[in-house]
């Protein structure tokens, strides 16, 4: 049986794949002087990729997934 946070990951997390993490992370680098935004960078976190999903200990889940869930 899935925990509450794993059910949320199943429904909303783009990294969820059969209870495993794909490990894809995104980052945006900003210029400090002008404030312009560089393109979004995609990285593969090999420490998370292929491992069991652990949303309770995942910064991507907390910062991106939870923050992006629409309110009901």
N, C-alpha and C. Protein backbone atom coordinates (compact mmCIF):
# COMPACT_ATOMS: atom_id res chain seq x y z
N UNK A 1 0.84 -1.18 0.00
CA UNK A 1 0.00 0.00 0.00
C UNK A 1 0.89 1.25 0.00
N UNK A 2 0.53 2.21 -0.82
CA UNK A 2 1.32 3.44 -0.93
C UNK A 2 1.01 4.42 0.19
N UNK A 3 2.06 5.09 0.66
CA UNK A 3 1.86 6.15 1.66
C UNK A 3 1.19 7.34 0.97
N UNK A 4 0.73 8.28 1.77
CA UNK A 4 0.08 9.48 1.24
C UNK A 4 1.01 10.24 0.29
N UNK A 5 2.27 10.42 0.69
CA UNK A 5 3.20 11.16 -0.15
C UNK A 5 3.54 10.39 -1.42
N UNK A 6 3.57 9.07 -1.37
CA UNK A 6 3.83 8.29 -2.59
C UNK A 6 2.63 8.34 -3.53
N UNK A 7 1.42 8.39 -2.99
CA UNK A 7 0.23 8.54 -3.85
C UNK A 7 0.27 9.89 -4.56
N UNK A 8 0.71 10.93 -3.84
CA UNK A 8 0.85 12.26 -4.44
C UNK A 8 1.92 12.24 -5.53
N UNK A 9 3.03 11.56 -5.28
CA UNK A 9 4.09 11.43 -6.28
C UNK A 9 3.57 10.68 -7.51
N UNK A 10 2.84 9.60 -7.31
CA UNK A 10 2.27 8.83 -8.41
C UNK A 10 1.39 9.72 -9.29
N UNK A 11 0.61 10.57 -8.66
CA UNK A 11 -0.34 11.41 -9.40
C UNK A 11 0.32 12.62 -10.07
N UNK A 12 1.33 13.24 -9.42
CA UNK A 12 1.84 14.53 -9.90
C UNK A 12 3.31 14.57 -10.30
N UNK A 13 4.14 13.65 -9.85
CA UNK A 13 5.58 13.78 -10.08
C UNK A 13 5.98 13.23 -11.45
N UNK A 14 6.66 14.05 -12.24
CA UNK A 14 7.13 13.65 -13.56
C UNK A 14 8.26 12.62 -13.48
N UNK A 15 8.90 12.51 -12.33
CA UNK A 15 9.99 11.56 -12.15
C UNK A 15 9.53 10.17 -11.70
N UNK A 16 8.24 10.01 -11.43
CA UNK A 16 7.70 8.73 -10.96
C UNK A 16 7.68 7.72 -12.11
N UNK A 17 8.24 6.54 -11.89
CA UNK A 17 8.20 5.48 -12.88
C UNK A 17 8.16 4.14 -12.16
N UNK A 18 6.96 3.61 -11.95
CA UNK A 18 6.78 2.32 -11.29
C UNK A 18 7.47 2.28 -9.93
N UNK A 19 7.22 3.29 -9.11
CA UNK A 19 7.78 3.45 -7.76
C UNK A 19 9.29 3.68 -7.74
N UNK A 20 9.87 4.00 -8.89
CA UNK A 20 11.29 4.34 -9.00
C UNK A 20 11.40 5.79 -9.46
N UNK A 21 12.52 6.41 -9.13
CA UNK A 21 12.76 7.80 -9.51
C UNK A 21 13.56 7.84 -10.81
N UNK A 22 13.13 8.68 -11.75
CA UNK A 22 13.90 8.87 -12.98
C UNK A 22 15.14 9.72 -12.73
N UNK A 23 15.10 10.58 -11.71
CA UNK A 23 16.26 11.37 -11.33
C UNK A 23 16.51 12.60 -12.19
N UNK A 24 15.49 13.06 -12.92
CA UNK A 24 15.66 14.24 -13.77
C UNK A 24 15.41 15.50 -12.94
N UNK A 25 16.37 16.41 -12.97
CA UNK A 25 16.26 17.66 -12.23
C UNK A 25 16.42 18.82 -13.20
N UNK A 26 15.78 19.93 -12.89
CA UNK A 26 15.87 21.13 -13.70
C UNK A 26 16.45 22.25 -12.88
N UNK A 27 17.22 23.12 -13.55
CA UNK A 27 17.77 24.28 -12.85
C UNK A 27 17.76 25.47 -13.80
N UNK A 28 17.69 26.64 -13.21
CA UNK A 28 17.75 27.90 -13.96
C UNK A 28 18.87 28.73 -13.37
N UNK A 29 19.78 29.15 -14.20
CA UNK A 29 20.87 30.00 -13.72
C UNK A 29 20.58 31.44 -14.14
N UNK A 30 20.70 32.34 -13.20
CA UNK A 30 20.43 33.75 -13.46
C UNK A 30 21.71 34.55 -13.47
N UNK A 31 21.76 35.54 -14.33
CA UNK A 31 22.86 36.49 -14.29
C UNK A 31 22.66 37.37 -13.08
N UNK A 32 23.69 37.62 -12.34
CA UNK A 32 23.56 38.42 -11.12
C UNK A 32 23.39 39.90 -11.41
N UNK A 33 24.03 40.40 -12.46
CA UNK A 33 24.01 41.83 -12.71
C UNK A 33 22.73 42.30 -13.38
N UNK A 34 22.32 41.63 -14.46
CA UNK A 34 21.21 42.15 -15.24
C UNK A 34 19.86 41.53 -14.88
N UNK A 35 19.86 40.41 -14.22
CA UNK A 35 18.61 39.78 -13.83
C UNK A 35 17.98 38.94 -14.92
N UNK A 36 18.63 38.82 -16.07
CA UNK A 36 18.09 37.98 -17.14
C UNK A 36 18.18 36.52 -16.74
N UNK A 37 17.29 35.73 -17.30
CA UNK A 37 17.28 34.31 -16.98
C UNK A 37 17.86 33.52 -18.14
N UNK A 38 18.78 32.65 -17.85
CA UNK A 38 19.33 31.73 -18.84
C UNK A 38 18.31 30.62 -19.11
N UNK A 39 18.53 29.84 -20.15
CA UNK A 39 17.63 28.72 -20.42
C UNK A 39 17.61 27.72 -19.26
N UNK A 40 16.57 26.93 -19.22
CA UNK A 40 16.43 25.89 -18.20
C UNK A 40 17.38 24.74 -18.55
N UNK A 41 18.12 24.29 -17.56
CA UNK A 41 19.04 23.17 -17.73
C UNK A 41 18.43 21.90 -17.14
N UNK A 42 18.60 20.79 -17.83
CA UNK A 42 18.12 19.50 -17.35
C UNK A 42 19.33 18.64 -17.00
N UNK A 43 19.30 18.04 -15.81
CA UNK A 43 20.39 17.19 -15.35
C UNK A 43 19.83 15.87 -14.86
N UNK A 44 20.65 14.83 -14.94
CA UNK A 44 20.27 13.54 -14.41
C UNK A 44 21.04 13.31 -13.11
N UNK A 45 20.32 13.15 -12.02
CA UNK A 45 20.93 12.88 -10.73
C UNK A 45 21.11 11.36 -10.60
N UNK A 46 22.33 10.90 -10.81
CA UNK A 46 22.58 9.46 -10.80
C UNK A 46 22.40 8.83 -9.42
N UNK A 47 22.43 9.65 -8.37
CA UNK A 47 22.20 9.12 -7.03
C UNK A 47 20.73 8.77 -6.82
N UNK A 48 19.83 9.43 -7.55
CA UNK A 48 18.39 9.18 -7.41
C UNK A 48 17.84 8.29 -8.52
N UNK A 49 18.44 8.35 -9.69
CA UNK A 49 17.94 7.64 -10.86
C UNK A 49 17.90 6.13 -10.62
N UNK A 50 16.72 5.55 -10.82
CA UNK A 50 16.55 4.11 -10.66
C UNK A 50 16.34 3.64 -9.24
N UNK A 51 16.42 4.55 -8.29
CA UNK A 51 16.24 4.19 -6.87
C UNK A 51 14.76 4.26 -6.50
N UNK A 52 14.41 3.64 -5.38
CA UNK A 52 13.04 3.72 -4.89
C UNK A 52 12.64 5.17 -4.64
N UNK A 53 11.42 5.50 -4.99
CA UNK A 53 10.91 6.85 -4.76
C UNK A 53 10.80 7.11 -3.25
N UNK A 54 11.34 8.24 -2.82
CA UNK A 54 11.27 8.63 -1.42
C UNK A 54 10.87 10.11 -1.35
N UNK A 55 9.59 10.41 -1.58
CA UNK A 55 9.15 11.80 -1.63
C UNK A 55 9.34 12.57 -0.32
N UNK A 56 9.38 11.86 0.80
CA UNK A 56 9.55 12.54 2.08
C UNK A 56 10.97 13.10 2.26
N UNK A 57 11.90 12.63 1.44
CA UNK A 57 13.29 13.08 1.53
C UNK A 57 13.79 13.54 0.15
N UNK A 58 12.92 14.26 -0.58
CA UNK A 58 13.25 14.66 -1.94
C UNK A 58 12.99 16.16 -2.14
N UNK A 59 14.04 16.90 -2.43
CA UNK A 59 13.89 18.35 -2.62
C UNK A 59 13.09 18.67 -3.87
N UNK A 60 13.21 17.86 -4.93
CA UNK A 60 12.42 18.09 -6.15
C UNK A 60 10.94 17.95 -5.83
N UNK A 61 10.58 16.92 -5.08
CA UNK A 61 9.18 16.70 -4.72
C UNK A 61 8.64 17.86 -3.90
N UNK A 62 9.41 18.30 -2.91
CA UNK A 62 8.96 19.39 -2.05
C UNK A 62 8.90 20.73 -2.77
N UNK A 63 9.94 21.05 -3.56
CA UNK A 63 10.04 22.36 -4.17
C UNK A 63 9.27 22.51 -5.48
N UNK A 64 9.12 21.44 -6.24
CA UNK A 64 8.48 21.53 -7.55
C UNK A 64 7.10 20.87 -7.58
N UNK A 65 7.02 19.64 -7.11
CA UNK A 65 5.77 18.90 -7.20
C UNK A 65 4.72 19.47 -6.27
N UNK A 66 5.02 19.55 -4.99
CA UNK A 66 4.06 20.06 -4.01
C UNK A 66 3.69 21.51 -4.33
N UNK A 67 4.68 22.31 -4.69
CA UNK A 67 4.42 23.72 -5.01
C UNK A 67 3.54 23.88 -6.24
N UNK A 68 3.55 22.90 -7.15
CA UNK A 68 2.78 23.01 -8.38
C UNK A 68 1.42 22.36 -8.37
N UNK A 69 1.04 21.73 -7.26
CA UNK A 69 -0.26 21.07 -7.19
C UNK A 69 -1.36 22.13 -7.08
N UNK A 70 -2.34 22.07 -7.98
CA UNK A 70 -3.42 23.07 -7.91
C UNK A 70 -4.27 22.84 -6.67
N UNK A 71 -4.74 23.91 -6.11
CA UNK A 71 -5.62 23.80 -4.94
C UNK A 71 -6.99 23.32 -5.37
N UNK A 72 -7.58 22.51 -4.54
CA UNK A 72 -8.91 21.98 -4.85
C UNK A 72 -9.96 22.80 -4.15
